[in-house]
Every structure is written in C-alpha cells, then in structure tokens.
Amino acid sequence: MKKNILSALAVFAFGLANAQEVKYGVKGGLNFSNWTGDTEGVNLKYKAGFNAGLFADIKMSDKISIQPEVLFSLVGTKVDNYTLEFDNNEITGDVNFNTAYIYVPVMFKLYVAEKFNVEVGPQVGFLVSAKSVAQIEGNSQKVKNDIKEIFNTVDFGVNFGAAYDLDQHFALGIRYNLGLSNIGKNEEGDSSKVNNSVFSLGLGYKF
C-alpha cells in the first residue's frame, strides 16, 4: 500500500514540476455499483450512490493531462431474498450493503479530439463505513447493522473513462472502476474474493 501511495505522489510531483498549466476544480455525480467475483448463488443487483470531491488538472501538453483526485464515494450492492443473522435469529429480506470510501485516483487523460478525452489510471480507496440495511419480509421493519469489521480497509482498482469539455469550466464524464483487490475479510481457509464494480457519471467544474 505504501509503495502505491508513494508512486502516486511521485507522479503528482512530476506532473506539477513539468506542467504547462495547472487548474483545480470540484466534481460530483452518480454511482451505479455492484460486487463481482465469487458471488455465485447470490442475487446481486446494482445500487445507486453518489460521489463528490476535488481534482487538479495538470496539463502536460496540448493532448495529455494528469488528473489526481480525492473523492468521497458511496458504493455497494443490493441482494434480494438474503438471509442474515439478527439477535441470534435468522431473518430473510431484501438487503442493501452500503459502503463509503475515500478514493484517490490518478487519471492519465489523452485528448483524441479538441474537447473529448479518454482516461485511464490507478485508484486506491480507504473504507470509511460499511452498513447493511435489511427490509424484513412481511412487515415494514428495517434492520440496520454496522458491518465495517468484515471488510478490508483498503481497496485497489483501475479506472477507465471518457469526458467531454462543455466549455473552459464544465466537463461531463463517464467512468468505470474495476476493483482488483478483495474487499471482504476472509476466514482461515476461505480463498473467495469479492471486488467492487462501479460505473460513474459526473460533472466537473474547473476554476
């Protein structure tokens, strides 16, 4: 983890030292997230969330920019007819798994047209919270649990995306985050892996 963070900082420092222009901005948007990996037998569905944060647009040339970001992001998944334990009893219902991360992506942007760019870059995430919200079958009661202890605190991934500059300030973007690390803590002898999978739509504003 330290090696990846140091590498990202080195890229950021190199970009600042060699930049033609640096602009700062804010961004926000919608997430559509799910879990992938060893999820056979579980009816997972995409759930909506949001992201918001800050970025720096470091222009290296007319066609290439580096964009480090710091984002707060709500992701997770939904499960229908899931059975979980509550007060030493098993209950069945529809469950939302809500996880919140601070994500730090470093995106490398290539302008393939005057206002249109494609982007790719690594991302590290730090878990802020994890909760389950279950709608019990047969009544309106909701059961909420803090489940942060069953998740790993760091998540690594890679982002792919594209963006279009509406003008010199506003830009619309779409991005996919492919999770590479196991987000759940495994018991001894359990080698299963679950990864985050997140589509994002966003609007950014450069000052």
Protein backbone atom coordinates (compact mmCIF):
# COMPACT_ATOMS: atom_id res chain seq x y z
CA MET A 1 0.00 0.00 0.00
CA LYS A 2 2.76 2.45 0.93
CA LYS A 3 4.52 1.72 -2.36
CA ASN A 4 1.38 2.54 -4.36
CA ILE A 5 0.75 5.75 -2.44
CA LEU A 6 4.35 6.87 -2.89
CA SER A 7 4.15 6.11 -6.62
CA ALA A 8 1.01 8.22 -6.93
CA LEU A 9 2.66 11.09 -5.04
CA ALA A 10 5.72 10.83 -7.28
CA VAL A 11 3.55 11.04 -10.40
CA PHE A 12 1.75 14.06 -8.93
CA ALA A 13 5.02 15.80 -8.07
CA PHE A 14 6.47 15.05 -11.51
CA GLY A 15 3.35 16.41 -13.15
CA LEU A 16 3.47 19.64 -11.19
CA ALA A 17 7.16 20.12 -11.95
CA ASN A 18 6.65 19.66 -15.70
CA ALA A 19 3.18 21.11 -16.16
CA GLN A 20 2.35 23.73 -18.74
CA GLU A 21 -0.75 24.69 -16.75
CA VAL A 22 -2.49 23.53 -13.56
CA LYS A 23 -6.18 24.08 -12.84
CA TYR A 24 -8.16 22.97 -9.79
CA GLY A 25 -11.78 22.01 -9.58
CA VAL A 26 -14.69 20.25 -7.93
CA LYS A 27 -16.75 17.36 -9.24
CA GLY A 28 -19.69 15.18 -8.33
CA GLY A 29 -22.02 12.63 -9.81
CA LEU A 30 -23.90 9.35 -9.61
CA ASN A 31 -22.55 5.85 -8.94
CA PHE A 32 -24.10 2.59 -10.09
CA SER A 33 -22.25 -0.11 -8.18
CA ASN A 34 -22.22 -3.86 -7.65
CA TRP A 35 -19.93 -6.63 -6.42
CA THR A 36 -18.24 -9.13 -8.70
CA GLY A 37 -16.07 -12.19 -8.10
CA ASP A 38 -17.10 -15.25 -6.12
CA THR A 39 -20.79 -14.33 -5.80
CA GLU A 40 -22.43 -17.45 -7.24
CA GLY A 41 -25.85 -18.21 -5.78
CA VAL A 42 -26.43 -14.66 -4.56
CA ASN A 43 -28.83 -12.42 -6.49
CA LEU A 44 -26.79 -9.22 -6.58
CA LYS A 45 -28.15 -6.06 -8.17
CA TYR A 46 -26.69 -2.66 -8.96
CA LYS A 47 -27.47 0.11 -6.48
CA ALA A 48 -27.30 3.88 -6.84
CA GLY A 49 -24.96 6.13 -4.87
CA PHE A 50 -23.03 9.32 -5.36
CA ASN A 51 -19.51 10.70 -5.47
CA ALA A 52 -18.11 14.17 -4.77
CA GLY A 53 -14.66 15.67 -4.35
CA LEU A 54 -11.76 17.72 -5.63
CA PHE A 55 -9.30 17.38 -8.50
CA ALA A 56 -6.30 19.02 -10.13
CA ASP A 57 -5.96 19.11 -13.93
CA ILE A 58 -2.23 19.12 -14.75
CA LYS A 59 -1.72 19.90 -18.43
CA MET A 60 1.44 18.26 -19.76
CA SER A 61 0.87 19.12 -23.44
CA ASP A 62 -1.96 20.03 -25.80
CA LYS A 63 -3.15 16.42 -25.77
CA ILE A 64 -2.04 14.95 -22.42
CA SER A 65 -3.11 15.78 -18.85
CA ILE A 66 -2.69 14.13 -15.45
CA GLN A 67 -5.65 14.42 -13.10
CA PRO A 68 -5.26 13.37 -9.44
CA GLU A 69 -8.49 13.40 -7.43
CA VAL A 70 -9.81 12.93 -3.90
CA LEU A 71 -13.40 11.67 -3.85
CA PHE A 72 -15.95 10.61 -1.26
CA SER A 73 -17.94 7.79 -2.82
CA LEU A 74 -20.95 5.71 -1.76
CA VAL A 75 -20.98 2.24 -3.35
CA GLY A 76 -22.15 -1.29 -2.55
CA THR A 77 -24.81 -3.69 -3.80
CA LYS A 78 -28.38 -4.91 -3.27
CA VAL A 79 -29.39 -8.52 -2.55
CA ASP A 80 -32.89 -9.93 -2.88
CA ASN A 81 -34.16 -12.65 -0.52
CA TYR A 82 -30.99 -12.69 1.55
CA THR A 83 -30.83 -14.49 4.89
CA LEU A 84 -28.80 -12.92 7.69
CA GLU A 85 -28.47 -13.31 11.44
CA PHE A 86 -30.03 -10.75 13.79
CA ASP A 87 -30.39 -11.11 17.58
CA ASN A 88 -29.42 -14.79 17.30
CA ASN A 89 -32.22 -15.36 14.79
CA GLU A 90 -32.15 -15.76 11.02
CA ILE A 91 -34.26 -13.30 9.05
CA THR A 92 -34.90 -13.07 5.33
CA GLY A 93 -35.39 -9.92 3.30
CA ASP A 94 -34.00 -7.55 0.72
CA VAL A 95 -30.69 -6.10 1.86
CA ASN A 96 -28.72 -3.02 0.83
CA PHE A 97 -24.98 -3.18 1.53
CA ASN A 98 -23.80 0.43 1.75
CA THR A 99 -20.06 1.10 1.78
CA ALA A 100 -18.39 4.52 1.77
CA TYR A 101 -14.81 5.12 0.62
CA ILE A 102 -12.37 7.96 0.21
CA TYR A 103 -10.97 7.24 -3.26
CA VAL A 104 -7.71 8.69 -4.59
CA PRO A 105 -7.46 8.08 -8.36
CA VAL A 106 -4.69 9.40 -10.61
CA MET A 107 -6.03 9.62 -14.16
CA PHE A 108 -3.97 9.93 -17.33
CA LYS A 109 -6.02 11.81 -19.94
CA LEU A 110 -5.48 11.78 -23.70
CA TYR A 111 -7.36 14.28 -25.86
CA VAL A 112 -8.32 12.40 -29.02
CA ALA A 113 -10.34 15.38 -30.26
CA GLU A 114 -10.45 19.06 -29.37
CA LYS A 115 -12.84 18.69 -26.41
CA PHE A 116 -13.01 14.92 -25.98
CA ASN A 117 -10.60 12.84 -23.92
CA VAL A 118 -10.21 9.24 -22.85
CA GLU A 119 -8.65 8.38 -19.49
CA VAL A 120 -7.14 5.52 -17.55
CA GLY A 121 -5.45 5.33 -14.16
CA PRO A 122 -4.98 3.51 -10.84
CA GLN A 123 -7.06 4.14 -7.75
CA VAL A 124 -6.69 3.45 -4.05
CA GLY A 125 -9.67 3.58 -1.70
CA PHE A 126 -9.90 3.86 2.08
CA LEU A 127 -13.01 2.43 3.74
CA VAL A 128 -14.95 4.97 5.82
CA SER A 129 -18.05 2.98 6.74
CA ALA A 130 -19.98 -0.18 5.87
CA LYS A 131 -23.59 -0.85 6.84
CA SER A 132 -26.33 -3.31 5.92
CA VAL A 133 -29.97 -2.26 5.75
CA ALA A 134 -32.44 -5.15 5.56
CA GLN A 135 -36.13 -4.88 4.71
CA ILE A 136 -37.71 -7.82 6.56
CA GLU A 137 -40.24 -9.86 4.62
CA GLY A 138 -43.82 -9.48 5.78
CA ASN A 139 -43.53 -6.14 7.59
CA SER A 140 -42.17 -2.62 7.26
CA GLN A 141 -39.35 -3.01 9.79
CA LYS A 142 -35.81 -2.28 8.67
CA VAL A 143 -32.79 -3.82 10.39
CA LYS A 144 -29.58 -1.79 10.26
CA ASN A 145 -26.15 -3.16 11.17
CA ASP A 146 -22.62 -1.78 11.19
CA ILE A 147 -20.55 -4.36 9.28
CA LYS A 148 -17.30 -2.48 8.80
CA GLU A 149 -15.34 -5.18 10.65
CA ILE A 150 -15.94 -7.74 7.86
CA PHE A 151 -14.38 -5.51 5.17
CA ASN A 152 -10.77 -4.76 4.34
CA THR A 153 -9.87 -1.12 4.93
CA VAL A 154 -8.04 -0.57 1.61
CA ASP A 155 -9.35 -1.16 -1.91
CA PHE A 156 -7.24 -1.03 -5.08
CA GLY A 157 -8.58 -0.73 -8.61
CA VAL A 158 -8.12 0.75 -12.05
CA ASN A 159 -10.37 3.28 -13.78
CA PHE A 160 -11.32 3.64 -17.44
CA GLY A 161 -13.33 6.56 -18.73
CA ALA A 162 -14.02 9.40 -21.11
CA ALA A 163 -15.01 13.04 -20.76
CA TYR A 164 -16.22 15.94 -22.87
CA ASP A 165 -15.39 19.58 -22.13
CA LEU A 166 -18.59 21.61 -22.45
CA ASP A 167 -16.57 24.84 -22.18
CA GLN A 168 -13.44 26.04 -20.36
CA HIS A 169 -15.02 25.34 -16.96
CA PHE A 170 -17.52 22.46 -17.19
CA ALA A 171 -16.93 18.86 -18.27
CA LEU A 172 -19.15 15.77 -18.41
CA GLY A 173 -17.60 12.38 -17.77
CA ILE A 174 -18.29 8.66 -17.59
CA ARG A 175 -16.02 6.22 -15.77
CA TYR A 176 -15.79 2.56 -14.83
CA ASN A 177 -13.89 1.39 -11.76
CA LEU A 178 -12.66 -2.21 -11.97
CA GLY A 179 -11.88 -3.40 -8.45
CA LEU A 180 -8.74 -5.52 -8.24
CA SER A 181 -8.47 -6.32 -4.53
CA ASN A 182 -10.69 -8.43 -2.28
CA ILE A 183 -12.93 -6.05 -0.31
CA GLY A 184 -14.00 -8.67 2.25
CA LYS A 185 -12.03 -10.22 5.08
CA ASN A 186 -11.75 -13.99 4.70
CA GLU A 187 -11.79 -16.58 7.44
CA GLU A 188 -8.94 -19.07 7.56
CA GLY A 189 -9.18 -21.48 4.62
CA ASP A 190 -11.53 -19.22 2.63
CA SER A 191 -9.96 -18.09 -0.66
CA SER A 192 -13.05 -16.43 -2.15
CA LYS A 193 -12.77 -12.88 -3.47
CA VAL A 194 -15.29 -10.09 -3.93
CA ASN A 195 -14.48 -6.92 -5.86
CA ASN A 196 -16.12 -3.54 -6.31
CA SER A 197 -17.53 -2.73 -9.75
CA VAL A 198 -18.66 0.87 -10.22
CA PHE A 199 -19.99 2.90 -13.15
CA SER A 200 -19.95 6.67 -12.55
CA LEU A 201 -21.49 9.65 -14.31
CA GLY A 202 -20.12 13.03 -13.28
CA LEU A 203 -19.95 16.75 -13.83
CA GLY A 204 -16.76 18.67 -13.09
CA TYR A 205 -16.05 22.39 -12.76
CA LYS A 206 -12.56 23.86 -13.23
CA PHE A 207 -11.84 27.24 -11.66
